[in-house]
């Protein structure tokens, strides 16, 4: 088990429709013997949506990990200097978060966590979930695909009929993508 004994930063941003399929993957990572450090963006930590109540997601994540969620920029900043993570994943990574990563904007706990984590040249895994992945966000996804230390969970069109430009990651590929990224390899194929 490649994740056993590893410290995994698991960050969630505001693509709320994926939470119910993403959170069980956190449990799988813990079951493999990894320590999961949960991180949430301001919006994912505070907003209630038609997909669920923020407090319920927070409770579930904290019960699975046994850790309080990092949800402020101040609490995310020490991740790199204290070498708190061996690998980090942003799942889901919204178009907004992808754009900010691609353009070095650090204004949420997740972005600060990623920036701090990357200072140690450790892998950062991106799980794309955005309605404009094949339009407005495409250029930013392309930038990150070409950056060192960035790896992607395989993704596909979400619903080509009603959302023709939408992309979403395959949650069942999270663990395997993390394992490959720890070996500095991009799992293939990226496009499903």
Protein backbone atom coordinates (compact mmCIF):
# COMPACT_ATOMS: atom_id res chain seq x y z
CA UNK A 1 0.00 0.00 0.00
CA UNK A 2 1.74 3.11 -1.27
CA UNK A 3 -0.33 5.48 0.87
CA UNK A 4 0.46 3.76 4.15
CA UNK A 5 2.32 6.12 6.47
CA UNK A 6 1.90 9.10 4.13
CA UNK A 7 0.49 12.47 5.12
CA UNK A 8 -2.15 13.42 2.56
CA UNK A 9 -3.57 16.92 2.37
CA UNK A 10 -7.13 16.59 1.09
CA UNK A 11 -8.63 19.90 -0.06
CA UNK A 12 -12.21 20.53 -1.13
CA UNK A 13 -13.43 23.55 -3.09
CA UNK A 14 -16.89 24.66 -4.13
CA UNK A 15 -17.96 22.13 -6.74
CA UNK A 16 -20.54 20.86 -4.26
CA UNK A 17 -22.21 18.39 -6.60
CA UNK A 18 -19.20 16.06 -6.26
CA UNK A 19 -18.96 15.99 -2.45
CA UNK A 20 -21.08 12.86 -1.93
CA UNK A 21 -18.79 10.88 -4.26
CA UNK A 22 -15.57 12.53 -3.06
CA UNK A 23 -15.86 12.20 0.72
CA UNK A 24 -15.96 8.35 0.63
CA UNK A 25 -12.55 8.50 -1.10
CA UNK A 26 -11.14 10.23 1.98
CA UNK A 27 -12.22 7.19 3.97
CA UNK A 28 -10.45 4.87 1.51
CA UNK A 29 -7.23 6.85 1.92
CA UNK A 30 -7.47 6.59 5.72
CA UNK A 31 -8.18 2.85 5.43
CA UNK A 32 -4.94 2.46 3.49
CA UNK A 33 -3.03 3.74 6.52
CA UNK A 34 -2.50 7.37 5.50
CA UNK A 35 -3.01 10.38 7.72
CA UNK A 36 -5.41 12.79 6.02
CA UNK A 37 -5.18 16.49 6.75
CA UNK A 38 -8.53 17.98 5.63
CA UNK A 39 -8.64 21.46 4.11
CA UNK A 40 -11.64 23.39 2.80
CA UNK A 41 -12.04 26.64 0.89
CA UNK A 42 -14.06 29.42 2.47
CA UNK A 43 -17.10 28.57 0.34
CA UNK A 44 -16.97 24.80 0.81
CA UNK A 45 -16.66 25.30 4.58
CA UNK A 46 -19.51 27.82 4.89
CA UNK A 47 -22.12 27.41 2.18
CA UNK A 48 -25.22 25.25 2.35
CA UNK A 49 -26.41 24.16 -1.07
CA UNK A 50 -28.97 21.87 -2.65
CA UNK A 51 -26.29 19.18 -2.40
CA UNK A 52 -26.06 19.35 1.41
CA UNK A 53 -25.41 21.32 4.56
CA UNK A 54 -21.86 22.54 5.19
CA UNK A 55 -21.97 21.46 8.85
CA UNK A 56 -22.89 17.90 7.82
CA UNK A 57 -19.98 17.66 5.36
CA UNK A 58 -17.62 19.11 7.99
CA UNK A 59 -18.80 16.63 10.62
CA UNK A 60 -18.40 13.66 8.26
CA UNK A 61 -14.91 14.69 7.12
CA UNK A 62 -13.70 15.34 10.66
CA UNK A 63 -15.07 11.99 11.84
CA UNK A 64 -13.34 10.14 9.00
CA UNK A 65 -9.99 11.88 9.46
CA UNK A 66 -10.01 12.43 13.21
CA UNK A 67 -8.74 15.95 12.51
CA UNK A 68 -10.18 19.45 12.48
CA UNK A 69 -10.53 20.93 9.03
CA UNK A 70 -8.08 23.66 8.08
CA UNK A 71 -10.34 26.47 6.87
CA UNK A 72 -8.34 29.68 7.23
CA UNK A 73 -5.40 31.05 5.29
CA UNK A 74 -3.45 31.46 8.52
CA UNK A 75 -3.85 27.79 9.44
CA UNK A 76 -2.95 26.64 5.90
CA UNK A 77 0.29 28.61 5.61
CA UNK A 78 2.43 26.38 7.91
CA UNK A 79 1.77 23.25 5.82
CA UNK A 80 4.95 23.70 3.79
CA UNK A 81 7.34 25.08 6.41
CA UNK A 82 6.32 22.33 8.86
CA UNK A 83 6.46 19.60 6.15
CA UNK A 84 2.94 18.51 7.08
CA UNK A 85 2.09 16.80 3.75
CA UNK A 86 3.80 14.29 1.47
CA UNK A 87 1.14 14.77 -1.20
CA UNK A 88 -1.90 16.99 -1.59
CA UNK A 89 -5.08 16.65 -3.62
CA UNK A 90 -7.68 19.26 -4.47
CA UNK A 91 -10.90 17.31 -5.05
CA UNK A 92 -13.03 18.82 -6.32
CA UNK A 93 -10.96 21.56 -7.96
CA UNK A 94 -13.43 24.13 -9.22
CA UNK A 95 -12.79 26.29 -12.28
CA UNK A 96 -12.26 29.24 -9.96
CA UNK A 97 -9.57 27.38 -7.99
CA UNK A 98 -7.90 26.10 -11.17
CA UNK A 99 -7.77 29.66 -12.57
CA UNK A 100 -6.22 30.99 -9.41
CA UNK A 101 -3.64 28.18 -9.24
CA UNK A 102 -2.72 28.80 -12.88
CA UNK A 103 -2.22 32.50 -12.19
CA UNK A 104 -0.54 32.34 -8.76
CA UNK A 105 -3.43 33.84 -6.80
CA UNK A 106 -3.51 32.81 -3.15
CA UNK A 107 -6.70 34.04 -1.50
CA UNK A 108 -8.32 30.95 0.05
CA UNK A 109 -7.19 28.30 2.54
CA UNK A 110 -6.96 25.69 -0.26
CA UNK A 111 -4.80 27.93 -2.45
CA UNK A 112 -2.53 28.80 0.47
CA UNK A 113 -2.28 25.12 1.39
CA UNK A 114 -1.32 24.23 -2.20
CA UNK A 115 1.24 27.04 -2.46
CA UNK A 116 2.75 26.14 0.90
CA UNK A 117 2.81 22.43 0.04
CA UNK A 118 4.48 23.01 -3.35
CA UNK A 119 7.42 24.84 -1.78
CA UNK A 120 8.70 21.36 -0.83
CA UNK A 121 8.42 20.10 -4.44
CA UNK A 122 5.84 17.51 -3.38
CA UNK A 123 3.09 16.34 -5.77
CA UNK A 124 -0.17 18.26 -6.05
CA UNK A 125 -3.08 16.30 -7.52
CA UNK A 126 -5.92 18.13 -9.24
CA UNK A 127 -9.44 16.67 -9.62
CA UNK A 128 -11.13 18.91 -12.19
CA UNK A 129 -14.82 19.71 -11.69
CA UNK A 130 -16.06 22.70 -13.65
CA UNK A 131 -18.89 23.55 -16.02
CA UNK A 132 -16.53 25.44 -18.34
CA UNK A 133 -13.65 22.97 -18.58
CA UNK A 134 -13.90 22.88 -22.37
CA UNK A 135 -14.27 26.64 -22.68
CA UNK A 136 -13.18 29.33 -20.19
CA UNK A 137 -11.21 27.01 -17.89
CA UNK A 138 -9.50 25.06 -20.67
CA UNK A 139 -6.49 27.39 -20.89
CA UNK A 140 -5.93 27.21 -17.13
CA UNK A 141 -6.20 23.42 -17.10
CA UNK A 142 -3.63 23.40 -19.91
CA UNK A 143 -1.26 25.59 -17.88
CA UNK A 144 -1.42 23.23 -14.91
CA UNK A 145 -1.02 20.12 -17.09
CA UNK A 146 2.36 21.54 -18.11
CA UNK A 147 3.61 22.40 -14.61
CA UNK A 148 6.07 20.33 -12.66
CA UNK A 149 4.65 18.60 -9.56
CA UNK A 150 1.04 18.81 -10.83
CA UNK A 151 -0.87 15.59 -11.52
CA UNK A 152 -4.48 15.06 -12.61
CA UNK A 153 -7.16 12.61 -11.59
CA UNK A 154 -8.57 11.28 -14.89
CA UNK A 155 -11.59 13.27 -16.05
CA UNK A 156 -14.33 13.23 -18.66
CA UNK A 157 -17.19 15.29 -19.93
CA UNK A 158 -19.79 15.53 -17.20
CA UNK A 159 -22.94 15.51 -19.32
CA UNK A 160 -22.24 16.24 -23.00
CA UNK A 161 -25.93 16.80 -23.79
CA UNK A 162 -27.03 19.31 -21.15
CA UNK A 163 -23.57 20.62 -20.14
CA UNK A 164 -21.43 20.27 -23.27
CA UNK A 165 -18.38 22.12 -21.88
CA UNK A 166 -18.41 20.59 -18.40
CA UNK A 167 -15.62 18.34 -17.08
CA UNK A 168 -15.60 16.15 -13.98
CA UNK A 169 -13.03 13.83 -12.42
CA UNK A 170 -13.59 10.14 -11.73
CA UNK A 171 -13.69 9.83 -7.91
CA UNK A 172 -12.85 6.13 -8.13
CA UNK A 173 -9.46 7.07 -9.60
CA UNK A 174 -8.36 9.27 -6.69
CA UNK A 175 -6.43 6.64 -4.73
CA UNK A 176 -4.67 5.26 -7.80
CA UNK A 177 -3.77 8.78 -9.00
CA UNK A 178 -2.26 9.57 -5.60
CA UNK A 179 -0.18 6.38 -5.74
CA UNK A 180 1.16 7.24 -9.20
CA UNK A 181 1.86 10.85 -8.24
CA UNK A 182 3.92 9.72 -5.24
CA UNK A 183 6.15 8.05 -7.85
CA UNK A 184 6.12 11.29 -9.88
CA UNK A 185 4.04 9.70 -12.63
CA UNK A 186 0.84 10.90 -14.26
CA UNK A 187 -1.72 8.11 -14.41
CA UNK A 188 -2.93 7.51 -17.95
CA UNK A 189 -5.21 8.04 -19.68
CA UNK A 190 -6.06 11.45 -18.29
CA UNK A 191 -9.13 11.75 -20.51
CA UNK A 192 -11.74 9.06 -19.98
